[in-house]
Structures are given as C-alpha cells and as structure tokens.
Amino acid sequence: MIADIMACIRLWPDLAHRLGLLRSLPGVGPIVALSLLIRMPELGSMRKGQASALIGVAPFDRDSGERKGQRFIAGGRRRPRKLLYLAALTAKRCDPCHGAFAKRLTAAGKPPKVAIVAIMRKLIEAANLIIQRDRPWQSAPQ
C-alpha cells in the first residue's frame, strides 16, 4: 500500500520534491513524510508557530489575572501528530542536536515527555520552513 502511494506521489513532481524535502529532516522517514505531505498540505504556507498549533503541539496557557496556570497542548491533527511523535523519538536518539536539546530541557527539570513534545514542535516548524524556503534540512556544523 505504501509503495502504491509512493508511486502516485512520484507522478506529481511538486509532491515528490516536497516529499524529498521532508525526508531530509532528522528522524523523518518515508511514512512520517507521507503523512505530513498528505495530511498537512498547508505546510510551507504558514507563518511561524502556525504549523505547531495546527498539529497540536503548541503550548497554550491558562492564565487569569494573577493566577498563572500550567502550559498544555491540545487539539490538532491526531494522525500526523502520532507519527511526528515517533520521528521526535528517533531524532532525539539519533541526531546530536536534538539529543542535546532534550538533555538541556531535562537537566532544567522538565519531564521527558515535555522534551519530546518540544522536539516535535521544532520538527514541524522546520518542516514548514524547509518547504517554504525550498531547501533541504542542513544540520548545524559541529
């Protein structure tokens, strides 16, 4: 089934190019890239922060007056978010930049799941940006 979808995508040069751009992200394999391509066609046309809010990983607050509530994530598109979670786990484990980012957050006292959601947010914003700029992901020099 995946092979059939990939064959259909290859018939459209624009979609095939966007798929290649998404595959350049750390942790994003063919299944995650296909999910983002198909279920989030708006990628590349959104402003900063909109992609993470659309997929449901942007932090929202519950503040009222002097009361400051805990930040939370809610809503969004469930299917691509589930696959983005898997990509974030892979990026945390295999990409040195994302792994160091997660270690910094956990060293600062954040729970491990919060670090993974932060990586998810970085990945979806990066996906939006690379499609917008039409250039593949390049890791920071070490």
Foldseek 3Di string as FASTA:
>chain_A
DLVVVVVVQVVPVLSVLLLVQLCLDQLDDNVLSVCCVVVPVCQLVDDPPPQCLQQFLDWDWDDDDPDTGDTDTDDHDPVSLVSLLSSLVRCLVPPPVLVVQLVVCVVVPDDSVNSSSVSSSVSRSVSSVCSNVVHHDDDDDD
